[in-house]
Amino acid sequence: MTKYKKLVADDNPNILIVIASAFKEEVYQLTTASSGKATIEALTIGKKGGIVMASNFRISVHRNSDSLHLKLIGDFDGTSACELLNLLRENCNAAVRVFINTTSLKNIYPFGQDTFQNRLYLLKGLPIRLVFTGENAVKIAPEQNNFF
């Protein structure tokens, strides 16, 4: 019997236990992660500098001396938005500017757009400037007056 891979991420270990027990008898190979970092590590597959999501979403990462370049690939949904925010929070400590290229996004779902824009407060206090590029930049970038 084929087992489908599922990743469950939550910072509350009790929730992870409950969810894992609910899927115990199902046809799923379940992986759990208790932090954003653990989630990213669980999603990282083979390629250096790339994060592969459960769906077709990936983030390609390239770092210069003072900037971080991210290329968003695939469909941008709620999970994708959370992973982008986690990656930004955990990896832009030495970056002054973060360039987010949106050209390779296939679909941008309203929930992904709303999740990203409504959780930008998680980046508050970080000394970074986000620069959105590509044909889908206007769909993801926050309105200037709504960002911090």
Protein backbone atom coordinates (compact mmCIF):
# COMPACT_ATOMS: atom_id res chain seq x y z
CA MET A 1 0.00 0.00 0.00
CA THR A 2 1.36 3.42 -0.98
CA LYS A 3 1.86 5.80 1.91
CA TYR A 4 1.30 9.47 1.20
CA LYS A 5 3.70 11.87 2.89
CA LYS A 6 2.27 14.51 5.20
CA LEU A 7 4.04 17.09 7.35
CA VAL A 8 2.35 18.46 10.45
CA ALA A 9 3.91 21.53 12.07
CA ASP A 10 2.87 23.05 15.37
CA ASP A 11 4.78 24.50 18.30
CA ASN A 12 2.51 22.69 20.78
CA PRO A 13 3.75 19.09 21.23
CA ASN A 14 0.33 17.98 22.54
CA ILE A 15 -1.31 18.94 19.26
CA LEU A 16 1.36 17.03 17.33
CA ILE A 17 0.64 13.92 19.43
CA VAL A 18 -3.11 14.15 18.84
CA ILE A 19 -2.73 14.66 15.10
CA ALA A 20 -0.14 11.87 14.81
CA SER A 21 -2.45 9.45 16.61
CA ALA A 22 -5.35 10.44 14.34
CA PHE A 23 -3.31 9.53 11.25
CA LYS A 24 -1.76 6.38 12.74
CA GLU A 25 -4.06 3.96 10.93
CA GLU A 26 -4.27 5.95 7.71
CA VAL A 27 -2.22 5.59 4.54
CA TYR A 28 0.09 8.46 5.47
CA GLN A 29 3.75 8.63 6.30
CA LEU A 30 3.57 11.39 8.88
CA THR A 31 6.43 13.71 9.79
CA THR A 32 6.05 16.21 12.62
CA ALA A 33 7.91 19.46 13.24
CA SER A 34 7.70 21.59 16.37
CA SER A 35 9.24 24.83 15.07
CA GLY A 36 9.63 26.87 11.91
CA LYS A 37 13.25 25.78 11.63
CA ALA A 38 12.32 22.10 12.03
CA THR A 39 9.62 22.53 9.39
CA ILE A 40 12.05 24.03 6.90
CA GLU A 41 14.55 21.24 7.62
CA ALA A 42 11.83 18.63 7.10
CA LEU A 43 10.88 20.21 3.78
CA THR A 44 14.42 20.59 2.48
CA ILE A 45 15.12 18.06 -0.20
CA GLY A 46 18.54 17.38 -1.69
CA LYS A 47 19.17 20.66 -3.45
CA LYS A 48 21.37 23.12 -1.60
CA GLY A 49 19.66 26.46 -1.15
CA GLY A 50 16.16 25.31 -2.05
CA ILE A 51 13.09 24.52 0.00
CA VAL A 52 10.50 22.18 -1.46
CA MET A 53 7.01 22.52 -0.08
CA ALA A 54 4.38 19.81 0.27
CA SER A 55 2.71 21.26 -2.83
CA ASN A 56 4.59 22.52 -5.88
CA PHE A 57 5.89 25.64 -4.10
CA ARG A 58 9.63 26.19 -3.73
CA ILE A 59 11.85 29.01 -2.59
CA SER A 60 15.23 29.32 -4.25
CA VAL A 61 17.70 31.17 -2.02
CA HIS A 62 20.81 33.12 -3.01
CA ARG A 63 22.77 35.37 -0.64
CA ASN A 64 25.11 38.26 -1.43
CA SER A 65 27.17 40.19 1.08
CA ASP A 66 24.32 42.43 2.24
CA SER A 67 21.26 41.10 0.41
CA LEU A 68 19.15 37.99 0.16
CA HIS A 69 17.57 36.95 -3.15
CA LEU A 70 14.50 34.71 -3.06
CA LYS A 71 12.79 33.26 -6.10
CA LEU A 72 9.26 32.00 -5.47
CA ILE A 73 8.29 29.08 -7.70
CA GLY A 74 4.92 27.31 -8.05
CA ASP A 75 1.62 28.06 -6.31
CA PHE A 76 1.44 30.57 -3.47
CA ASP A 77 -1.08 29.43 -0.86
CA GLY A 78 -1.42 29.88 2.91
CA THR A 79 1.28 27.35 3.72
CA SER A 80 3.60 28.93 1.18
CA ALA A 81 3.04 32.33 2.76
CA CYS A 82 3.89 31.00 6.23
CA GLU A 83 7.05 29.34 4.95
CA LEU A 84 8.13 32.54 3.22
CA LEU A 85 7.60 34.49 6.44
CA ASN A 86 9.53 31.90 8.48
CA LEU A 87 12.38 31.92 5.99
CA LEU A 88 12.53 35.71 6.09
CA ARG A 89 12.48 35.80 9.88
CA GLU A 90 15.17 33.18 10.30
CA ASN A 91 17.54 34.02 7.43
CA CYS A 92 17.73 37.75 6.91
CA ASN A 93 19.79 38.65 9.97
CA ALA A 94 22.75 39.88 7.88
CA ALA A 95 20.71 41.12 4.91
CA VAL A 96 19.83 44.78 4.51
CA ARG A 97 17.64 44.15 1.47
CA VAL A 98 15.64 41.10 0.48
CA PHE A 99 14.68 40.76 -3.17
CA ILE A 100 11.64 38.54 -3.71
CA ASN A 101 11.21 37.49 -7.34
CA THR A 102 7.62 36.49 -8.14
CA THR A 103 7.96 35.78 -11.88
CA SER A 104 7.84 31.96 -11.50
CA LEU A 105 4.64 31.86 -9.46
CA LYS A 106 1.90 29.98 -11.31
CA ASN A 107 -1.09 30.75 -9.06
CA ILE A 108 -1.49 33.17 -6.20
CA TYR A 109 -4.40 32.15 -4.04
CA PRO A 110 -6.24 34.86 -2.09
CA PHE A 111 -5.66 33.01 1.20
CA GLY A 112 -1.90 32.98 0.54
CA GLN A 113 -1.89 36.65 -0.31
CA ASP A 114 -3.92 37.55 2.78
CA THR A 115 -1.85 35.31 5.06
CA PHE A 116 1.39 36.89 3.90
CA GLN A 117 0.18 40.49 4.08
CA ASN A 118 -1.60 40.08 7.42
CA ARG A 119 1.38 38.41 9.11
CA LEU A 120 4.10 40.80 8.04
CA TYR A 121 4.07 42.07 11.62
CA LEU A 122 6.21 38.99 12.39
CA LEU A 123 9.09 40.79 10.63
CA LYS A 124 8.68 43.98 12.64
CA GLY A 125 11.93 45.07 14.20
CA LEU A 126 14.13 43.40 11.59
CA PRO A 127 16.39 45.90 9.81
CA ILE A 128 15.42 44.78 6.31
CA ARG A 129 13.84 46.26 3.23
CA LEU A 130 11.70 43.96 1.13
CA VAL A 131 11.86 44.53 -2.63
CA PHE A 132 9.29 42.61 -4.69
CA THR A 133 10.09 42.01 -8.35
CA GLY A 134 8.44 40.18 -11.23
CA GLU A 135 5.06 40.18 -12.86
CA ASN A 136 3.25 39.01 -9.70
CA ALA A 137 4.91 41.49 -7.33
CA VAL A 138 1.82 43.70 -7.00
CA LYS A 139 -0.29 40.72 -5.95
CA ILE A 140 1.96 39.78 -3.02
CA ALA A 141 3.67 43.02 -1.98
CA PRO A 142 1.93 44.91 0.81
CA GLU A 143 0.62 48.37 0.19
CA GLN A 144 3.37 50.80 1.13
CA ASN A 145 1.45 52.29 4.07
CA ASN A 146 0.51 48.88 5.49
CA PHE A 147 4.08 47.61 5.87
CA PHE A 148 5.30 48.34 9.41
